[in-house]
Amino acid sequence: MIEQYFPSKRPVHVAPLRINQWDGATTSPYGEVYKAEKRGLSIEEYRNRVSIVAKALMGSKWVVGALGFPHSAEEAEKYGQCRVIGIVTHYDHYGTIVWDPDTPFLLSVRCLHEGNTGIVTCSVGWLVAENPLLLKMEC
């Protein structure tokens, strides 16, 4: 069996390899500098907010579809049982909610209580697994 190989007539374009260099950091919509400037933040503040969201999520046990109750008895009476319908996983997805570095609002929950069908945006600690109304009755 005879085998022959011929070089391709197509021109081969090889992109030059760049190590630790990215030209799109300031102009690309995927760069941190662009995202920080778009929000009117310094790059340090943008990175700080990204890390605050990441740290808050590390301690969270909530997943989409989970059921919980507001942490206080008064709010549990008002809202009742709630279902998690959305979780902010990165500061880029935070939206137009006012930023609070102490308690970032990362969860969107829908109230399952009759007559209260609103959506509440809350922090990770606002929801608890146990109903505080039941805990209040036991005391």
Protein backbone atom coordinates (compact mmCIF):
# COMPACT_ATOMS: atom_id res chain seq x y z
CA MET A 1 0.00 0.00 0.00
CA ILE A 2 1.35 3.38 -1.03
CA GLU A 3 0.57 6.47 1.03
CA GLN A 4 1.29 10.02 -0.03
CA TYR A 5 0.75 13.22 1.92
CA PHE A 6 0.55 16.68 0.38
CA PRO A 7 0.72 19.99 2.22
CA SER A 8 -2.53 21.96 2.46
CA LYS A 9 -2.98 24.95 0.15
CA ARG A 10 -5.00 26.78 2.81
CA PRO A 11 -3.09 29.42 4.69
CA VAL A 12 -2.70 28.54 8.35
CA HIS A 13 -3.35 31.39 10.78
CA VAL A 14 -1.86 30.91 14.19
CA ALA A 15 -2.63 33.52 16.82
CA PRO A 16 0.44 34.68 18.69
CA LEU A 17 0.61 33.38 22.24
CA ARG A 18 0.47 36.03 24.93
CA ILE A 19 1.12 35.14 28.51
CA ASN A 20 -0.42 37.25 31.30
CA GLN A 21 -1.63 39.88 28.88
CA TRP A 22 -5.18 40.63 27.85
CA ASP A 23 -5.93 43.58 25.63
CA GLY A 24 -9.68 43.50 26.24
CA ALA A 25 -9.53 44.31 29.96
CA THR A 26 -10.63 47.92 29.47
CA THR A 27 -12.85 47.72 26.41
CA SER A 28 -14.36 44.27 26.55
CA PRO A 29 -17.73 43.86 28.32
CA TYR A 30 -16.16 40.84 30.04
CA GLY A 31 -13.31 42.77 31.69
CA GLU A 32 -13.35 43.88 35.31
CA VAL A 33 -12.29 47.42 34.45
CA TYR A 34 -15.19 47.83 32.03
CA LYS A 35 -17.70 46.42 34.54
CA ALA A 36 -16.41 48.64 37.34
CA GLU A 37 -16.53 51.79 35.20
CA LYS A 38 -20.02 50.91 33.98
CA ARG A 39 -21.24 50.87 37.60
CA GLY A 40 -19.27 53.97 38.57
CA LEU A 41 -16.96 52.03 40.90
CA SER A 42 -13.23 51.78 41.27
CA ILE A 43 -11.69 48.45 40.33
CA GLU A 44 -10.82 47.82 44.00
CA GLU A 45 -14.42 48.44 45.12
CA TYR A 46 -15.76 46.20 42.34
CA ARG A 47 -13.42 43.36 43.38
CA ASN A 48 -14.36 43.92 47.03
CA ARG A 49 -18.06 43.54 46.22
CA VAL A 50 -17.40 40.40 44.17
CA SER A 51 -15.56 38.86 47.13
CA ILE A 52 -18.32 39.88 49.60
CA VAL A 53 -20.93 38.12 47.45
CA ALA A 54 -18.71 35.03 47.16
CA LYS A 55 -18.12 34.88 50.92
CA ALA A 56 -21.83 35.29 51.67
CA LEU A 57 -22.67 32.44 49.32
CA MET A 58 -20.10 30.11 50.86
CA GLY A 59 -22.04 30.07 54.11
CA SER A 60 -25.41 29.68 52.42
CA LYS A 61 -27.34 26.41 52.40
CA TRP A 62 -30.14 27.72 50.19
CA VAL A 63 -30.82 26.40 46.70
CA VAL A 64 -33.49 27.33 44.19
CA GLY A 65 -36.73 25.64 45.18
CA ALA A 66 -35.94 25.36 48.90
CA LEU A 67 -38.60 26.29 51.43
CA GLY A 68 -37.98 28.48 54.46
CA PHE A 69 -39.46 31.04 56.81
CA PRO A 70 -38.49 34.62 57.66
CA HIS A 71 -36.23 34.76 60.71
CA SER A 72 -38.51 36.81 62.98
CA ALA A 73 -41.97 35.91 64.25
CA GLU A 74 -43.47 39.21 63.02
CA GLU A 75 -42.21 38.70 59.48
CA ALA A 76 -43.21 35.04 59.56
CA GLU A 77 -46.78 36.13 60.32
CA LYS A 78 -46.65 38.68 57.51
CA TYR A 79 -44.99 36.58 54.78
CA GLY A 80 -45.51 32.97 55.86
CA GLN A 81 -43.58 30.18 54.20
CA CYS A 82 -41.37 31.23 51.27
CA ARG A 83 -39.76 29.44 48.34
CA VAL A 84 -36.36 30.48 46.97
CA ILE A 85 -36.82 31.38 43.29
CA GLY A 86 -33.48 33.04 42.56
CA ILE A 87 -29.93 33.33 43.90
CA VAL A 88 -27.34 35.95 42.98
CA THR A 89 -24.16 33.98 42.38
CA HIS A 90 -21.90 36.89 41.34
CA TYR A 91 -21.94 40.65 41.83
CA ASP A 92 -22.50 41.05 38.08
CA HIS A 93 -25.99 39.58 38.56
CA TYR A 94 -26.84 41.82 41.53
CA GLY A 95 -29.16 44.10 39.60
CA THR A 96 -30.49 47.47 40.70
CA ILE A 97 -30.97 46.70 44.39
CA VAL A 98 -29.22 49.09 46.77
CA TRP A 99 -25.86 47.66 47.84
CA ASP A 100 -25.33 46.97 51.53
CA PRO A 101 -21.89 45.46 52.25
CA ASP A 102 -22.93 44.09 55.65
CA THR A 103 -25.91 42.09 54.36
CA PRO A 104 -25.98 41.76 50.57
CA PHE A 105 -29.39 40.79 49.21
CA LEU A 106 -28.66 37.55 47.38
CA LEU A 107 -31.96 35.65 47.53
CA SER A 108 -35.26 36.23 45.77
CA VAL A 109 -38.10 34.45 47.50
CA ARG A 110 -41.79 34.10 46.66
CA CYS A 111 -44.24 34.17 49.53
CA LEU A 112 -46.57 31.17 49.63
CA HIS A 113 -48.88 32.77 52.22
CA GLU A 114 -52.45 33.33 51.01
CA GLY A 115 -53.06 36.89 49.91
CA ASN A 116 -49.34 37.69 49.78
CA THR A 117 -47.95 36.65 46.40
CA GLY A 118 -45.09 39.17 46.28
CA ILE A 119 -41.43 38.55 45.71
CA VAL A 120 -39.01 39.54 48.47
CA THR A 121 -35.33 40.20 47.89
CA CYS A 122 -33.42 39.34 51.04
CA SER A 123 -30.10 38.35 52.52
CA VAL A 124 -29.03 34.76 53.08
CA GLY A 125 -29.68 35.04 56.83
CA TRP A 126 -33.25 36.33 56.44
CA LEU A 127 -34.58 32.82 55.78
CA VAL A 128 -34.46 30.05 58.35
CA ALA A 129 -35.50 26.43 58.03
CA GLU A 130 -37.64 26.29 61.17
CA ASN A 131 -40.87 28.25 61.54
CA PRO A 132 -40.26 30.94 64.22
CA LEU A 133 -43.98 30.92 65.07
CA LEU A 134 -43.71 27.32 66.22
CA LEU A 135 -40.59 28.10 68.23
CA LYS A 136 -42.40 31.03 69.85
CA MET A 137 -45.33 28.79 70.91
CA GLU A 138 -43.03 26.21 72.51
CA CYS A 139 -41.53 28.71 74.94
